Amino acid sequence: MASATMTSETPTIIQRARANRCNPTSAESRLWSLLRDRRLAYKFRRQHPIGIYVVDFACPAIHLVIEVDGPSHNNAEQRAFDEARAEYLMFAGWKLLRVPNEHVYQSLGEVEAAIRAILEP
């Protein structure tokens, strides 16, 4: 059984999610243009709180999280944080797709194909 922190968000997490929505990275904005308005037949949320974390994009209907990784994800501290978050999300029943910024900029069609492969198995 999941703990309370797995299913409930604190006001601080919700505030952080709202603030992040106001300041997306250019890669997040580009990917959001693909995901918004059910363009892939599923509703996605951006900067969505899940427990103690805020994820870039979430599709609650199929428990899919999409994370867009920029250069900051290359340092050891951020990698450790990302690994802990991935464990947490998987334990809570979420699938995780990590997409590097470069793929969003250079091969959005391939990113879309990878997302569709998860959405339409």
N, C-alpha and C. Protein backbone atom coordinates (compact mmCIF):
# COMPACT_ATOMS: atom_id res chain seq x y z
N MET A 1 0.85 -1.18 0.00
CA MET A 1 0.00 0.00 0.00
C MET A 1 0.89 1.24 0.00
N ALA A 2 0.53 2.21 -0.81
CA ALA A 2 1.31 3.43 -0.92
C ALA A 2 1.10 4.31 0.30
N SER A 3 2.17 4.99 0.68
CA SER A 3 2.06 5.90 1.83
C SER A 3 1.33 7.16 1.42
N ALA A 4 0.98 7.97 2.40
CA ALA A 4 0.25 9.22 2.14
C ALA A 4 1.05 10.14 1.22
N THR A 5 2.39 10.14 1.34
CA THR A 5 3.19 11.01 0.50
C THR A 5 3.18 10.57 -0.95
N MET A 6 2.81 9.33 -1.20
CA MET A 6 2.77 8.86 -2.58
C MET A 6 1.54 9.41 -3.30
N THR A 7 0.50 9.74 -2.59
CA THR A 7 -0.74 10.11 -3.24
C THR A 7 -1.18 11.54 -2.96
N SER A 8 -0.58 12.20 -2.01
CA SER A 8 -1.02 13.56 -1.71
C SER A 8 0.13 14.54 -1.86
N GLU A 9 -0.18 15.69 -2.41
CA GLU A 9 0.82 16.71 -2.65
C GLU A 9 0.72 17.77 -1.56
N THR A 10 1.86 18.29 -1.18
CA THR A 10 1.88 19.35 -0.19
C THR A 10 1.66 20.69 -0.90
N PRO A 11 1.21 21.70 -0.15
CA PRO A 11 1.03 23.03 -0.77
C PRO A 11 2.31 23.55 -1.41
N THR A 12 3.47 23.26 -0.84
CA THR A 12 4.73 23.71 -1.41
C THR A 12 4.97 23.10 -2.78
N ILE A 13 4.69 21.82 -2.92
CA ILE A 13 4.87 21.14 -4.21
C ILE A 13 3.92 21.73 -5.24
N ILE A 14 2.69 21.98 -4.85
CA ILE A 14 1.71 22.56 -5.77
C ILE A 14 2.15 23.96 -6.21
N GLN A 15 2.67 24.75 -5.28
CA GLN A 15 3.16 26.09 -5.63
C GLN A 15 4.34 26.01 -6.59
N ARG A 16 5.23 25.05 -6.36
CA ARG A 16 6.38 24.88 -7.25
C ARG A 16 5.92 24.48 -8.65
N ALA A 17 4.93 23.59 -8.72
CA ALA A 17 4.39 23.17 -10.02
C ALA A 17 3.80 24.37 -10.76
N ARG A 18 3.05 25.19 -10.06
CA ARG A 18 2.44 26.38 -10.68
C ARG A 18 3.52 27.34 -11.18
N ALA A 19 4.56 27.54 -10.38
CA ALA A 19 5.65 28.44 -10.77
C ALA A 19 6.38 27.88 -11.99
N ASN A 20 6.61 26.56 -12.03
CA ASN A 20 7.29 25.95 -13.17
C ASN A 20 6.49 26.09 -14.46
N ARG A 21 5.16 26.05 -14.35
CA ARG A 21 4.31 26.19 -15.53
C ARG A 21 4.48 27.58 -16.16
N CYS A 22 4.81 28.56 -15.34
CA CYS A 22 4.98 29.93 -15.84
C CYS A 22 6.33 30.14 -16.52
N ASN A 23 7.29 29.25 -16.27
CA ASN A 23 8.64 29.42 -16.79
C ASN A 23 9.16 28.13 -17.44
N PRO A 24 8.50 27.66 -18.49
CA PRO A 24 8.98 26.42 -19.12
C PRO A 24 10.28 26.65 -19.89
N THR A 25 11.06 25.59 -20.02
CA THR A 25 12.23 25.68 -20.89
C THR A 25 11.74 25.65 -22.33
N SER A 26 12.60 26.02 -23.26
CA SER A 26 12.18 26.02 -24.66
C SER A 26 11.88 24.59 -25.14
N ALA A 27 12.62 23.61 -24.64
CA ALA A 27 12.35 22.21 -25.00
C ALA A 27 10.99 21.76 -24.45
N GLU A 28 10.68 22.16 -23.22
CA GLU A 28 9.38 21.81 -22.65
C GLU A 28 8.25 22.46 -23.44
N SER A 29 8.43 23.72 -23.85
CA SER A 29 7.40 24.40 -24.64
C SER A 29 7.19 23.70 -25.98
N ARG A 30 8.27 23.28 -26.58
CA ARG A 30 8.17 22.59 -27.87
C ARG A 30 7.44 21.25 -27.72
N LEU A 31 7.79 20.48 -26.70
CA LEU A 31 7.13 19.20 -26.49
C LEU A 31 5.67 19.41 -26.08
N TRP A 32 5.40 20.44 -25.30
CA TRP A 32 4.02 20.72 -24.88
C TRP A 32 3.14 21.00 -26.10
N SER A 33 3.70 21.64 -27.13
CA SER A 33 2.91 21.90 -28.33
C SER A 33 2.45 20.61 -28.99
N LEU A 34 3.18 19.52 -28.79
CA LEU A 34 2.79 18.21 -29.30
C LEU A 34 1.78 17.52 -28.40
N LEU A 35 1.91 17.69 -27.08
CA LEU A 35 1.11 16.95 -26.12
C LEU A 35 -0.22 17.61 -25.77
N ARG A 36 -0.29 18.92 -25.88
CA ARG A 36 -1.48 19.65 -25.39
C ARG A 36 -2.73 19.35 -26.21
N ASP A 37 -3.85 19.66 -25.63
CA ASP A 37 -5.16 19.55 -26.30
C ASP A 37 -5.46 18.15 -26.84
N ARG A 38 -4.98 17.13 -26.16
CA ARG A 38 -5.24 15.73 -26.55
C ARG A 38 -4.82 15.42 -27.99
N ARG A 39 -3.75 16.06 -28.44
CA ARG A 39 -3.28 15.84 -29.81
C ARG A 39 -2.83 14.41 -30.04
N LEU A 40 -2.45 13.72 -28.97
CA LEU A 40 -2.08 12.30 -29.08
C LEU A 40 -3.18 11.41 -28.50
N ALA A 41 -4.39 11.93 -28.43
CA ALA A 41 -5.59 11.21 -27.97
C ALA A 41 -5.69 11.06 -26.46
N TYR A 42 -4.67 11.45 -25.73
CA TYR A 42 -4.69 11.38 -24.27
C TYR A 42 -4.45 12.76 -23.69
N LYS A 43 -5.00 13.00 -22.51
CA LYS A 43 -4.79 14.27 -21.82
C LYS A 43 -3.48 14.21 -21.05
N PHE A 44 -2.64 15.18 -21.31
CA PHE A 44 -1.38 15.34 -20.58
C PHE A 44 -1.46 16.58 -19.73
N ARG A 45 -0.77 16.56 -18.63
CA ARG A 45 -0.63 17.73 -17.76
C ARG A 45 0.84 18.10 -17.72
N ARG A 46 1.12 19.39 -17.66
CA ARG A 46 2.51 19.82 -17.58
C ARG A 46 2.82 20.30 -16.17
N GLN A 47 4.07 20.08 -15.76
CA GLN A 47 4.51 20.44 -14.42
C GLN A 47 3.48 19.93 -13.41
N HIS A 48 3.32 18.64 -13.41
CA HIS A 48 2.29 17.98 -12.62
C HIS A 48 2.89 17.41 -11.33
N PRO A 49 2.33 17.75 -10.16
CA PRO A 49 2.83 17.18 -8.91
C PRO A 49 2.39 15.72 -8.74
N ILE A 50 3.35 14.89 -8.39
CA ILE A 50 3.07 13.49 -8.04
C ILE A 50 3.80 13.24 -6.72
N GLY A 51 3.05 13.15 -5.66
CA GLY A 51 3.67 12.95 -4.35
C GLY A 51 4.58 14.10 -4.01
N ILE A 52 5.85 13.79 -3.80
CA ILE A 52 6.82 14.81 -3.38
C ILE A 52 7.59 15.42 -4.56
N TYR A 53 7.23 15.05 -5.79
CA TYR A 53 7.94 15.52 -6.97
C TYR A 53 7.01 16.26 -7.92
N VAL A 54 7.62 17.10 -8.76
CA VAL A 54 6.91 17.75 -9.86
C VAL A 54 7.54 17.19 -11.14
N VAL A 55 6.73 16.61 -12.00
CA VAL A 55 7.23 16.03 -13.23
C VAL A 55 6.92 16.97 -14.40
N ASP A 56 7.71 16.89 -15.45
CA ASP A 56 7.51 17.78 -16.59
C ASP A 56 6.15 17.56 -17.24
N PHE A 57 5.82 16.30 -17.58
CA PHE A 57 4.55 15.98 -18.21
C PHE A 57 4.03 14.67 -17.64
N ALA A 58 2.71 14.60 -17.45
CA ALA A 58 2.10 13.37 -16.93
C ALA A 58 0.81 13.10 -17.67
N CYS A 59 0.59 11.83 -17.95
CA CYS A 59 -0.68 11.37 -18.51
C CYS A 59 -1.29 10.44 -17.46
N PRO A 60 -2.14 10.98 -16.58
CA PRO A 60 -2.68 10.16 -15.49
C PRO A 60 -3.48 8.95 -15.96
N ALA A 61 -4.11 9.02 -17.12
CA ALA A 61 -4.94 7.92 -17.59
C ALA A 61 -4.16 6.62 -17.74
N ILE A 62 -2.90 6.72 -18.15
CA ILE A 62 -2.10 5.50 -18.31
C ILE A 62 -0.85 5.51 -17.44
N HIS A 63 -0.79 6.43 -16.50
CA HIS A 63 0.34 6.55 -15.57
C HIS A 63 1.68 6.64 -16.31
N LEU A 64 1.77 7.64 -17.21
CA LEU A 64 2.99 7.88 -17.95
C LEU A 64 3.54 9.25 -17.58
N VAL A 65 4.82 9.29 -17.27
CA VAL A 65 5.54 10.53 -17.00
C VAL A 65 6.58 10.71 -18.10
N ILE A 66 6.67 11.93 -18.63
CA ILE A 66 7.70 12.27 -19.61
C ILE A 66 8.54 13.38 -19.00
N GLU A 67 9.84 13.13 -18.94
CA GLU A 67 10.79 14.11 -18.41
C GLU A 67 11.69 14.58 -19.54
N VAL A 68 11.86 15.89 -19.66
CA VAL A 68 12.75 16.47 -20.65
C VAL A 68 14.04 16.85 -19.93
N ASP A 69 15.14 16.27 -20.37
CA ASP A 69 16.42 16.45 -19.68
C ASP A 69 17.35 17.37 -20.45
N GLY A 70 17.70 18.47 -19.81
CA GLY A 70 18.67 19.41 -20.36
C GLY A 70 20.05 19.13 -19.81
N PRO A 71 21.00 20.04 -20.05
CA PRO A 71 22.39 19.86 -19.63
C PRO A 71 22.55 19.70 -18.11
N SER A 72 21.66 20.28 -17.34
CA SER A 72 21.80 20.19 -15.88
C SER A 72 21.67 18.75 -15.38
N HIS A 73 21.10 17.87 -16.19
CA HIS A 73 20.91 16.48 -15.77
C HIS A 73 22.19 15.66 -15.93
N ASN A 74 23.26 16.30 -16.38
CA ASN A 74 24.53 15.60 -16.57
C ASN A 74 25.40 15.59 -15.32
N ASN A 75 25.11 16.45 -14.34
CA ASN A 75 25.96 16.45 -13.15
C ASN A 75 25.54 15.34 -12.19
N ALA A 76 26.47 14.90 -11.38
CA ALA A 76 26.26 13.74 -10.51
C ALA A 76 25.12 13.94 -9.52
N GLU A 77 25.03 15.13 -8.94
CA GLU A 77 23.97 15.39 -7.96
C GLU A 77 22.58 15.30 -8.61
N GLN A 78 22.44 15.88 -9.79
CA GLN A 78 21.15 15.83 -10.48
C GLN A 78 20.82 14.40 -10.93
N ARG A 79 21.83 13.65 -11.37
CA ARG A 79 21.59 12.25 -11.76
C ARG A 79 21.09 11.43 -10.58
N ALA A 80 21.67 11.67 -9.40
CA ALA A 80 21.22 10.95 -8.20
C ALA A 80 19.78 11.32 -7.87
N PHE A 81 19.44 12.61 -7.99
CA PHE A 81 18.07 13.06 -7.75
C PHE A 81 17.12 12.40 -8.75
N ASP A 82 17.52 12.37 -10.03
CA ASP A 82 16.69 11.77 -11.07
C ASP A 82 16.46 10.28 -10.81
N GLU A 83 17.49 9.59 -10.36
CA GLU A 83 17.36 8.16 -10.06
C GLU A 83 16.40 7.93 -8.90
N ALA A 84 16.49 8.76 -7.87
CA ALA A 84 15.59 8.62 -6.72
C ALA A 84 14.15 8.90 -7.15
N ARG A 85 13.96 9.92 -7.96
CA ARG A 85 12.61 10.25 -8.44
C ARG A 85 12.07 9.12 -9.31
N ALA A 86 12.91 8.56 -10.18
CA ALA A 86 12.47 7.46 -11.05
C ALA A 86 12.04 6.26 -10.22
N GLU A 87 12.81 5.93 -9.20
CA GLU A 87 12.43 4.82 -8.30
C GLU A 87 11.09 5.09 -7.64
N TYR A 88 10.93 6.29 -7.13
CA TYR A 88 9.70 6.70 -6.46
C TYR A 88 8.50 6.55 -7.40
N LEU A 89 8.65 7.08 -8.61
CA LEU A 89 7.55 7.05 -9.58
C LEU A 89 7.21 5.62 -9.99
N MET A 90 8.23 4.82 -10.24
CA MET A 90 7.98 3.43 -10.64
C MET A 90 7.32 2.65 -9.51
N PHE A 91 7.75 2.89 -8.29
CA PHE A 91 7.13 2.24 -7.13
C PHE A 91 5.66 2.63 -7.02
N ALA A 92 5.35 3.87 -7.41
CA ALA A 92 3.97 4.36 -7.35
C ALA A 92 3.15 3.93 -8.57
N GLY A 93 3.77 3.18 -9.50
CA GLY A 93 3.04 2.64 -10.64
C GLY A 93 3.10 3.46 -11.91
N TRP A 94 4.02 4.41 -11.99
CA TRP A 94 4.14 5.25 -13.18
C TRP A 94 5.24 4.71 -14.09
N LYS A 95 5.02 4.80 -15.41
CA LYS A 95 6.06 4.52 -16.40
C LYS A 95 6.78 5.85 -16.65
N LEU A 96 8.06 5.77 -16.96
CA LEU A 96 8.86 6.99 -17.12
C LEU A 96 9.58 6.96 -18.46
N LEU A 97 9.42 8.04 -19.22
CA LEU A 97 10.15 8.23 -20.47
C LEU A 97 10.99 9.48 -20.32
N ARG A 98 12.31 9.32 -20.45
CA ARG A 98 13.23 10.46 -20.37
C ARG A 98 13.62 10.83 -21.79
N VAL A 99 13.54 12.12 -22.10
CA VAL A 99 13.84 12.62 -23.44
C VAL A 99 14.86 13.74 -23.32
N PRO A 100 16.04 13.58 -23.93
CA PRO A 100 17.02 14.67 -23.91
C PRO A 100 16.53 15.87 -24.72
N ASN A 101 16.90 17.06 -24.29
CA ASN A 101 16.55 18.28 -25.02
C ASN A 101 16.87 18.15 -26.50
N GLU A 102 18.05 17.62 -26.82
CA GLU A 102 18.48 17.54 -28.22
C GLU A 102 17.48 16.78 -29.08
N HIS A 103 16.88 15.73 -28.52
CA HIS A 103 15.90 14.96 -29.29
C HIS A 103 14.64 15.78 -29.55
N VAL A 104 14.25 16.59 -28.58
CA VAL A 104 13.07 17.44 -28.77
C VAL A 104 13.34 18.44 -29.88
N TYR A 105 14.56 19.00 -29.92
CA TYR A 105 14.90 20.00 -30.92
C TYR A 105 15.17 19.40 -32.29
N GLN A 106 15.86 18.26 -32.33
CA GLN A 106 16.36 17.73 -33.60
C GLN A 106 15.51 16.62 -34.20
N SER A 107 14.74 15.90 -33.38
CA SER A 107 13.98 14.77 -33.93
C SER A 107 12.66 14.61 -33.18
N LEU A 108 11.84 15.65 -33.21
CA LEU A 108 10.56 15.62 -32.52
C LEU A 108 9.67 14.50 -33.04
N GLY A 109 9.79 14.18 -34.32
CA GLY A 109 9.01 13.09 -34.88
C GLY A 109 9.34 11.75 -34.23
N GLU A 110 10.61 11.52 -33.95
CA GLU A 110 11.02 10.29 -33.26
C GLU A 110 10.53 10.29 -31.81
N VAL A 111 10.56 11.44 -31.17
CA VAL A 111 10.03 11.55 -29.81
C VAL A 111 8.54 11.23 -29.82
N GLU A 112 7.82 11.79 -30.78
CA GLU A 112 6.40 11.51 -30.91
C GLU A 112 6.15 10.01 -31.12
N ALA A 113 6.95 9.39 -31.97
CA ALA A 113 6.81 7.95 -32.24
C ALA A 113 7.03 7.13 -30.97
N ALA A 114 8.03 7.52 -30.17
CA ALA A 114 8.30 6.81 -28.91
C ALA A 114 7.13 6.95 -27.95
N ILE A 115 6.55 8.15 -27.88
CA ILE A 115 5.40 8.38 -27.00
C ILE A 115 4.20 7.58 -27.49
N ARG A 116 3.95 7.62 -28.80
CA ARG A 116 2.82 6.85 -29.36
C ARG A 116 2.98 5.36 -29.11
N ALA A 117 4.20 4.86 -29.16
CA ALA A 117 4.44 3.44 -28.91
C ALA A 117 4.02 3.04 -27.50
N ILE A 118 4.17 3.97 -26.57
CA ILE A 118 3.74 3.70 -25.19
C ILE A 118 2.23 3.86 -25.07
N LEU A 119 1.67 4.86 -25.74
CA LEU A 119 0.24 5.13 -25.65
C LEU A 119 -0.60 4.08 -26.36
N GLU A 120 -0.07 3.55 -27.46
CA GLU A 120 -0.83 2.61 -28.30
C GLU A 120 -0.08 1.29 -28.44
N PRO A 121 0.05 0.53 -27.37
CA PRO A 121 0.85 -0.71 -27.45
C PRO A 121 0.28 -1.75 -28.39
